Amino acid sequence: MVLLIQYTLIFASVLAMVALGGCFSEHSGVINLGLEGVMVMGALGGALCMKALSGGGMPKFVVVLLIILAAGAVGTLYSVLLGFACINFKADQTLIGTALNIMAPAVATVIVKAINMHENPDNVSATVMYGASRKALVQKIANFQFNWFMLLALLAVIIASIVLYRTKFGLRLLACGENPQAADSVGINVYKMRWAGVLISGLLGGIGGVIYITAGVSEWKFETGVAGFGFLALAVMIFGQWKPVNIGLAALLFGFFRALSNVYSGFDFLARLKIPGSVYNMMPYIISLIVLAFTSKNSRAPKAEGIPYDKGSR
């Protein structure tokens, strides 16, 4: 039971962080389907940072902070591609997001293989080992492994809710996603707000990526990507109705089903069912299809999401 709670919280932290990123982007009017790719690039930045800090003897707080900054910075930088294509050049947001998802694992794999080959000519794998630094992220409390990213995800949900509904910036962002022409007419710079939404989504998505690769392992092979978690986060966002608190609760639900694939063998009644492990691995995605099939009809997405803004049109 302890392991189930532990894995549920860490997977929920990943989903909540990435879904919140998508929430900010879509509230600004830009659909970020490239969250999967952003996660991979953020994971790359965080993993390389952890590798560089291994054995450095730095305080845990500094190590955690640097890992978060590295992952968030790389995720943000990668999301700039989405911003330029979709905001400045008014490209199709779905196609650009898909392209970013395809490109990210390839770019990450090439970079990691180049680094490994430089350090050891016989090592051409796409694996980054960061075991020593990962220990700074985990605090053992009895039998429970508390990951500091769990607290970060909770704070992100609370802060996102306050920012979106209690600040001038958040209300302007919401306005740009609902009616950008009306927002522009009262002096709001729609382009800047959309850029802000996209960059925030890159920041949170990148952090979500590094949380994913540290969820129980001390190395990561970038050829495997993030197993569709970016798309699962989009399902969490839709199920949570683009509201931070609801997104946090939805992330717990989806995180629970994802955690079952890690711990089902520890429950006698589940082990007796003799269901293949692959079925448990598929379960969060099956649940997402079922949930969205019954709830998407009542979903209320931002009205102007996915529509390129043209300042000349009124």
Foldseek 3Di string as FASTA:
>chain_A
DLLLVQQLLLQLLLLLLLLLLQLLLLLLFAGQLQLLLLLLQLQLQLLVLLLVCFPVPDQLVVLVVNSLVRLLVRLLVLLVQLLCCCAVVVHQRVVSSVVSNVVRLVVLLVVQQVVVCVVPVVDRFSKRFRQRSLVSQWDDDPPHTDGVSSVVSVVVLVVSQCPLPPDPLNVLSNCNLAPVQVSVVVPDDSSVSSSVSSSSSSSSSSSSSNSQVSSPDRMDGSNVRRLCSSVLSNLLCQLLLSRSVSSSVSSSVLSSLCSCLVCVCVDPVSVVVVDDSVCSNCVSVVVSVVSCVVCVVVRDGRPNHSGHDDNPDD
